[in-house]
Amino acid sequence: MSGVSVLILTKNEENDLPGCMESVIEWCDDIHVYDSFSTDRTVEIASRLGARVTRRQFDNWASHQNWGLANIKFKHEWVLYLDADERITPALAKEILAAAAAPGDFVAFDVRRRDFYRERWLKHVQATPYYIRLFKPAYIQYDRLVNPVTIVNGKKGRLSGYLDHQPFSKGIAHWVSRHNSYSSLEADQLLINESKSEKFELSKALLSRNFEVRRYHQKGLFSKLPFRPLLKFFVLYVVRRGFLDGGPGFSYALLQSIYEYFIVLKVDERLELRNAADPLLQNENRALSGDAQT
């Protein structure tokens, strides 16, 4: 059996969880389902398929994931993190086991994810296909309330196999509902950054060799740009050549721009509520509100 533990995050995943577990159960002897108090059959299915279940009320992504890595008792030194709508391909499984058996001086590995929409691989329109998913928990820390940045205290490598992702497996309505909740956390995160006077550097956003550092500064700088929803569509559909993904590429780029607009609207709303509670803040927040307008 493997020297890799698997961690699957869940909330009402009775439809997707069986497929996710089937993609790892043949080569992994330590599967953990980290559940946010599902109200469907998720926990029952996880237990029936042999997973160990840990339950915790979800607060935000960084806090939730950090708690899981610190408190769940994994059997193996290496952990593979998955969402229930993701599947490990056979080729990637072999790479994972080989990397864990002989990691060299790496403490984490990037995995290339393939997102699908209407059976079409969104090869071009993804902002990035690489995510840190295989790691030693002691060297990992998550930051940000949503879409967390993975901070690696050590060297990381990259695997070439594919992790398949079905973000629309529950339908468009579920995707929109989920991203509506994500946009609330993104709005909160932007206001937290503003209150801390976070400094984001263009040089690091463009030139840092560390992808997570680049992503952190890119997200911070992007949040300050006007017309962000339109810009996001342009970047995904034109710059990253999402048009090569056909109709699904156009739909995905449009959905992502709508998601960005949710964030813009919610930042404005929060600033208005804050100003109404304390009129003295009105001038102080005018610049940020102006940045959020489209």
Protein backbone atom coordinates (compact mmCIF):
# COMPACT_ATOMS: atom_id res chain seq x y z
CA MET A 1 0.00 0.00 0.00
CA SER A 2 0.96 3.61 -0.40
CA GLY A 3 2.92 5.97 1.74
CA VAL A 4 0.42 8.73 1.04
CA SER A 5 -2.65 9.75 3.05
CA VAL A 6 -5.60 11.35 1.25
CA LEU A 7 -7.64 14.26 2.62
CA ILE A 8 -11.02 15.02 1.00
CA LEU A 9 -12.98 18.13 2.01
CA THR A 10 -16.76 17.74 1.88
CA LYS A 11 -20.09 19.48 2.43
CA ASN A 12 -23.11 17.64 1.03
CA GLU A 13 -21.10 15.63 -1.50
CA GLU A 14 -23.11 12.40 -1.68
CA ASN A 15 -23.09 12.48 -5.50
CA ASP A 16 -19.42 13.29 -6.12
CA LEU A 17 -17.69 11.60 -3.17
CA PRO A 18 -17.98 7.97 -4.40
CA GLY A 19 -16.17 8.76 -7.65
CA CYS A 20 -13.47 10.70 -5.84
CA MET A 21 -12.83 7.86 -3.39
CA GLU A 22 -12.86 5.26 -6.15
CA SER A 23 -9.98 7.09 -7.83
CA VAL A 24 -7.75 6.65 -4.76
CA ILE A 25 -9.07 3.66 -2.82
CA GLU A 26 -7.08 1.04 -4.74
CA TRP A 27 -3.70 2.57 -3.90
CA CYS A 28 -4.30 4.43 -0.62
CA ASP A 29 -4.81 2.84 2.81
CA ASP A 30 -5.47 6.07 4.74
CA ILE A 31 -8.37 8.15 3.39
CA HIS A 32 -9.76 10.99 5.51
CA VAL A 33 -13.02 12.81 4.78
CA TYR A 34 -13.01 16.23 6.43
CA ASP A 35 -16.68 17.16 6.56
CA SER A 36 -18.43 20.47 7.35
CA PHE A 37 -21.54 18.85 8.88
CA SER A 38 -23.19 17.58 5.71
CA THR A 39 -26.95 17.08 5.87
CA ASP A 40 -27.07 14.45 3.12
CA ARG A 41 -25.51 10.95 2.98
CA THR A 42 -21.90 12.15 2.65
CA VAL A 43 -20.72 10.85 6.04
CA GLU A 44 -22.56 7.54 5.59
CA ILE A 45 -20.95 7.00 2.18
CA ALA A 46 -17.50 7.95 3.45
CA SER A 47 -17.73 5.51 6.35
CA ARG A 48 -19.10 2.72 4.17
CA LEU A 49 -16.19 3.12 1.75
CA GLY A 50 -13.66 2.93 4.57
CA ALA A 51 -12.73 6.59 5.10
CA ARG A 52 -12.06 8.10 8.50
CA VAL A 53 -14.40 11.04 9.06
CA THR A 54 -13.56 14.25 10.91
CA ARG A 55 -16.28 16.88 11.29
CA ARG A 56 -15.80 20.61 11.89
CA GLN A 57 -18.01 23.62 11.30
CA PHE A 58 -16.69 25.62 8.36
CA ASP A 59 -15.62 29.22 9.11
CA ASN A 60 -13.32 30.22 6.25
CA TRP A 61 -11.02 28.36 3.91
CA ALA A 62 -7.64 29.15 5.44
CA SER A 63 -8.78 28.54 9.00
CA HIS A 64 -10.59 25.33 8.07
CA GLN A 65 -7.72 23.86 6.08
CA ASN A 66 -5.08 24.87 8.61
CA TRP A 67 -7.08 23.23 11.41
CA GLY A 68 -7.41 20.04 9.39
CA LEU A 69 -3.69 19.73 8.71
CA ALA A 70 -2.87 20.44 12.35
CA ASN A 71 -5.42 18.15 14.00
CA ILE A 72 -6.22 15.21 11.72
CA LYS A 73 -4.00 12.22 12.52
CA PHE A 74 -2.59 11.07 9.20
CA LYS A 75 -0.94 7.68 8.92
CA HIS A 76 1.66 8.78 6.40
CA GLU A 77 4.12 11.65 6.15
CA TRP A 78 2.73 12.78 2.78
CA VAL A 79 -0.84 14.03 2.24
CA LEU A 80 -2.77 14.42 -1.00
CA TYR A 81 -5.53 17.02 -0.72
CA LEU A 82 -8.66 16.69 -2.87
CA ASP A 83 -12.14 18.12 -3.29
CA ALA A 84 -14.97 15.66 -3.82
CA ASP A 85 -15.48 16.73 -7.45
CA GLU A 86 -11.90 15.82 -8.35
CA ARG A 87 -10.48 12.53 -9.63
CA ILE A 88 -6.93 11.14 -9.68
CA THR A 89 -5.96 9.71 -13.06
CA PRO A 90 -4.01 6.39 -13.04
CA ALA A 91 -0.89 8.08 -14.43
CA LEU A 92 -0.98 10.72 -11.69
CA ALA A 93 -1.47 8.04 -9.01
CA LYS A 94 1.79 6.39 -10.08
CA GLU A 95 3.60 9.72 -9.99
CA ILE A 96 2.24 10.53 -6.53
CA LEU A 97 3.48 7.25 -5.08
CA ALA A 98 6.87 7.63 -6.75
CA ALA A 99 7.25 11.22 -5.52
CA ALA A 100 6.37 10.28 -1.94
CA ALA A 101 8.78 7.34 -2.03
CA ALA A 102 11.69 9.44 -3.32
CA PRO A 103 10.95 13.16 -2.86
CA GLY A 104 14.53 14.35 -2.70
CA ASP A 105 14.57 17.67 -0.85
CA PHE A 106 11.03 18.64 -1.92
CA VAL A 107 8.35 19.10 0.76
CA ALA A 108 5.47 19.75 -1.66
CA PHE A 109 4.48 19.19 -5.29
CA ASP A 110 2.32 21.10 -7.76
CA VAL A 111 -0.32 19.03 -9.53
CA ARG A 112 -1.81 19.99 -12.89
CA ARG A 113 -5.60 20.13 -12.79
CA ARG A 114 -7.91 19.76 -15.79
CA ASP A 115 -11.24 21.57 -15.37
CA PHE A 116 -14.15 20.32 -17.47
CA TYR A 117 -17.39 21.93 -18.62
CA ARG A 118 -19.90 19.99 -20.73
CA GLU A 119 -17.29 17.25 -21.19
CA ARG A 120 -14.86 19.83 -22.63
CA TRP A 121 -11.44 20.27 -21.05
CA LEU A 122 -11.02 23.98 -20.40
CA LYS A 123 -7.41 23.81 -21.46
CA HIS A 124 -6.81 27.51 -22.11
CA VAL A 125 -9.32 29.56 -20.14
CA GLN A 126 -8.11 28.48 -16.69
CA ALA A 127 -6.25 31.21 -14.79
CA THR A 128 -3.70 28.56 -13.77
CA PRO A 129 -3.74 24.76 -13.98
CA TYR A 130 -1.22 24.19 -11.18
CA TYR A 131 -2.10 23.70 -7.51
CA ILE A 132 -0.11 22.45 -4.53
CA ARG A 133 -1.91 19.23 -3.62
CA LEU A 134 0.78 16.78 -2.49
CA PHE A 135 2.74 17.87 0.56
CA LYS A 136 4.09 17.23 4.03
CA PRO A 137 1.57 18.99 6.33
CA ALA A 138 4.23 20.33 8.71
CA TYR A 139 5.57 22.54 5.90
CA ILE A 140 2.23 23.95 4.71
CA GLN A 141 0.19 26.98 5.82
CA TYR A 142 -2.88 28.49 4.16
CA ASP A 143 -3.65 32.21 3.98
CA ARG A 144 -6.76 34.21 2.86
CA LEU A 145 -10.43 33.63 3.71
CA VAL A 146 -11.24 32.12 0.30
CA ASN A 147 -9.20 30.90 -2.68
CA PRO A 148 -6.38 30.50 -0.18
CA VAL A 149 -2.73 30.94 -1.00
CA THR A 150 -0.64 27.91 -0.04
CA ILE A 151 2.53 28.95 1.76
CA VAL A 152 5.27 26.32 1.50
CA ASN A 153 8.15 26.40 3.97
CA GLY A 154 10.61 24.60 1.74
CA LYS A 155 11.23 23.50 -1.84
CA LYS A 156 8.48 22.24 -4.12
CA GLY A 157 8.47 20.20 -7.28
CA ARG A 158 5.92 19.58 -10.01
CA LEU A 159 4.16 16.44 -11.20
CA SER A 160 3.15 15.99 -14.84
CA GLY A 161 0.06 13.78 -14.42
CA TYR A 162 -3.47 15.17 -14.41
CA LEU A 163 -6.00 15.76 -11.64
CA ASP A 164 -9.45 15.88 -13.28
CA HIS A 165 -11.96 18.40 -11.90
CA GLN A 166 -15.71 18.61 -12.59
CA PRO A 167 -16.69 22.02 -11.14
CA PHE A 168 -20.12 21.88 -12.84
CA SER A 169 -21.02 18.34 -11.75
CA LYS A 170 -23.96 19.67 -9.70
CA GLY A 171 -25.14 22.09 -12.37
CA ILE A 172 -24.85 25.79 -13.10
CA ALA A 173 -27.17 26.80 -10.23
CA HIS A 174 -24.88 25.14 -7.69
CA TRP A 175 -21.78 26.74 -9.22
CA VAL A 176 -23.39 30.18 -9.03
CA SER A 177 -24.59 29.61 -5.46
CA ARG A 178 -21.15 28.46 -4.35
CA HIS A 179 -19.41 31.40 -5.99
CA ASN A 180 -21.93 33.77 -4.50
CA SER A 181 -20.71 32.63 -1.08
CA TYR A 182 -17.09 32.81 -2.24
CA SER A 183 -17.60 36.40 -3.37
CA SER A 184 -18.75 37.37 0.12
CA LEU A 185 -15.50 36.06 1.58
CA GLU A 186 -13.48 37.74 -1.18
CA ALA A 187 -15.13 41.07 -0.35
CA ASP A 188 -14.31 40.56 3.33
CA GLN A 189 -10.72 39.69 2.41
CA LEU A 190 -10.31 42.86 0.34
CA LEU A 191 -11.48 44.99 3.26
CA ILE A 192 -9.12 43.14 5.60
CA ASN A 193 -6.23 43.87 3.22
CA GLU A 194 -7.27 47.53 3.09
CA SER A 195 -7.47 47.80 6.88
CA LYS A 196 -3.97 46.34 7.20
CA SER A 197 -2.60 48.63 4.48
CA GLU A 198 -1.26 45.57 2.67
CA LYS A 199 1.47 46.41 0.17
CA PHE A 200 1.41 44.53 -3.12
CA GLU A 201 4.39 44.79 -5.47
CA LEU A 202 4.24 44.64 -9.26
CA SER A 203 7.77 43.21 -9.46
CA LYS A 204 6.78 40.25 -7.27
CA ALA A 205 3.48 39.80 -9.12
CA LEU A 206 5.36 39.44 -12.42
CA LEU A 207 8.83 38.17 -11.60
CA SER A 208 8.81 36.10 -8.42
CA ARG A 209 9.97 32.54 -9.03
CA ASN A 210 7.54 31.34 -6.37
CA PHE A 211 4.09 30.90 -7.94
CA GLU A 212 2.28 31.39 -4.63
CA VAL A 213 4.09 34.69 -4.03
CA ARG A 214 3.21 35.80 -7.58
CA ARG A 215 -0.41 34.79 -7.06
CA TYR A 216 -0.65 36.64 -3.73
CA HIS A 217 0.63 39.90 -5.21
CA GLN A 218 -1.34 39.46 -8.45
CA LYS A 219 -4.60 39.07 -6.55
CA GLY A 220 -3.80 42.07 -4.38
CA LEU A 221 -2.95 44.32 -7.33
CA PHE A 222 -5.87 43.05 -9.41
CA SER A 223 -8.31 43.95 -6.61
CA LYS A 224 -7.32 47.61 -7.01
CA LEU A 225 -8.01 47.85 -10.75
CA PRO A 226 -11.11 49.51 -12.22
CA PHE A 227 -13.42 47.57 -14.54
CA ARG A 228 -12.23 44.29 -13.04
CA PRO A 229 -15.09 42.09 -14.33
CA LEU A 230 -14.49 43.18 -17.94
CA LEU A 231 -10.75 42.88 -17.49
CA LYS A 232 -11.07 39.37 -16.10
CA PHE A 233 -13.14 38.29 -19.10
CA PHE A 234 -10.55 39.82 -21.47
CA VAL A 235 -7.65 38.09 -19.72
CA LEU A 236 -9.31 34.66 -19.64
CA TYR A 237 -10.95 34.71 -23.05
CA VAL A 238 -8.42 36.71 -25.12
CA VAL A 239 -5.04 36.79 -23.36
CA ARG A 240 -5.20 33.17 -22.21
CA ARG A 241 -6.94 32.20 -25.48
CA GLY A 242 -10.09 30.86 -23.88
CA PHE A 243 -11.73 31.19 -27.30
CA LEU A 244 -9.84 28.03 -28.28
CA ASP A 245 -12.03 26.15 -25.78
CA GLY A 246 -15.10 26.91 -27.88
CA GLY A 247 -18.50 27.65 -26.38
CA PRO A 248 -17.57 26.21 -22.96
CA GLY A 249 -14.57 28.56 -22.86
CA PHE A 250 -16.79 31.58 -23.50
CA SER A 251 -19.31 30.46 -20.87
CA TYR A 252 -16.60 29.88 -18.28
CA ALA A 253 -14.92 33.25 -18.90
CA LEU A 254 -18.31 34.98 -18.64
CA LEU A 255 -19.18 33.18 -15.40
CA GLN A 256 -15.83 34.17 -13.91
CA SER A 257 -16.41 37.82 -14.85
CA ILE A 258 -19.86 37.69 -13.22
CA TYR A 259 -18.24 36.24 -10.10
CA GLU A 260 -15.80 39.15 -10.09
CA TYR A 261 -18.72 41.57 -10.38
CA PHE A 262 -20.33 39.98 -7.31
CA ILE A 263 -17.15 40.86 -5.41
CA VAL A 264 -17.21 44.45 -6.68
CA LEU A 265 -20.84 44.91 -5.62
CA LYS A 266 -20.26 43.41 -2.19
CA VAL A 267 -17.21 45.57 -1.49
CA ASP A 268 -19.33 48.63 -2.35
CA GLU A 269 -22.14 47.39 -0.14
CA ARG A 270 -19.86 46.77 2.83
CA LEU A 271 -18.27 50.18 2.50
CA GLU A 272 -21.68 51.85 2.37
CA LEU A 273 -22.80 50.02 5.49
CA ARG A 274 -19.58 50.86 7.28
CA ASN A 275 -19.82 54.51 6.31
CA ALA A 276 -23.43 54.66 7.43
CA ALA A 277 -22.39 53.31 10.82
CA ASP A 278 -19.55 55.84 11.09
CA PRO A 279 -19.83 58.87 8.75
CA LEU A 280 -16.27 59.91 9.63
CA LEU A 281 -15.04 56.96 7.55
CA GLN A 282 -16.66 58.25 4.38
CA ASN A 283 -13.68 60.22 3.09
CA GLU A 284 -11.24 57.55 4.21
CA ASN A 285 -12.98 54.87 2.16
CA ARG A 286 -13.73 56.94 -0.94
CA ALA A 287 -10.58 55.79 -2.75
CA LEU A 288 -11.28 52.10 -2.20
CA SER A 289 -14.89 52.51 -3.29
CA GLY A 290 -13.72 54.25 -6.43
CA ASP A 291 -11.38 51.35 -7.19
CA ALA A 292 -14.31 48.96 -6.91
CA GLN A 293 -16.56 50.82 -9.38
CA THR A 294 -16.99 49.46 -12.85
